[in-house]
Amino acid sequence: ASPTGLAYVENFATKYIPQVGDMVIGKVTQRMGEHYKVDIRAAQPALLSQLGFNNASKRNKPNLNVGSLVYCHVTSAHKDMDVEVSCESAIANEAKKGWATKELYFGELGGGWLLDTSLVHARTLMQED
């Protein structure tokens, strides 16, 4: 315990436990009707709606292939239900941009590399120090 009486526990879990609001990179593993199954390195794949993109509609929606990478955020994470993710942005100036422009914060990623790392190392990289 620290002098302030607080104790910190570092979790060395090998699986990610999704929390609402987390921003994650996922890999599309399956197309199912109006949804995609996305591997976000959790115990079970997450669901991403085909309409879960800015300005997407039934006629105008992204066509992701199996293996595509998406940057999204967790919108629902209950232990007894499927995790849901979305690529819709809540940022005011991005709400007007459509998914097809590829100018959005969230959405399909192109180019670059995706590397696996431990959860502890990922959290270290995200610290602001």
Foldseek 3Di string as FASTA:
>chain_A
DDPVPDDDDDDQDQADQADAFDKFKWFFAADDVQWTFTCRRHPGTAIEGQQLWQPADPVRGDDDDGGWIWTWGWHDHDPVDGTYTGQYDPDVVCNPDGQVVVPGPTTTDDDDDDDDDGPVVVVVVPDPD
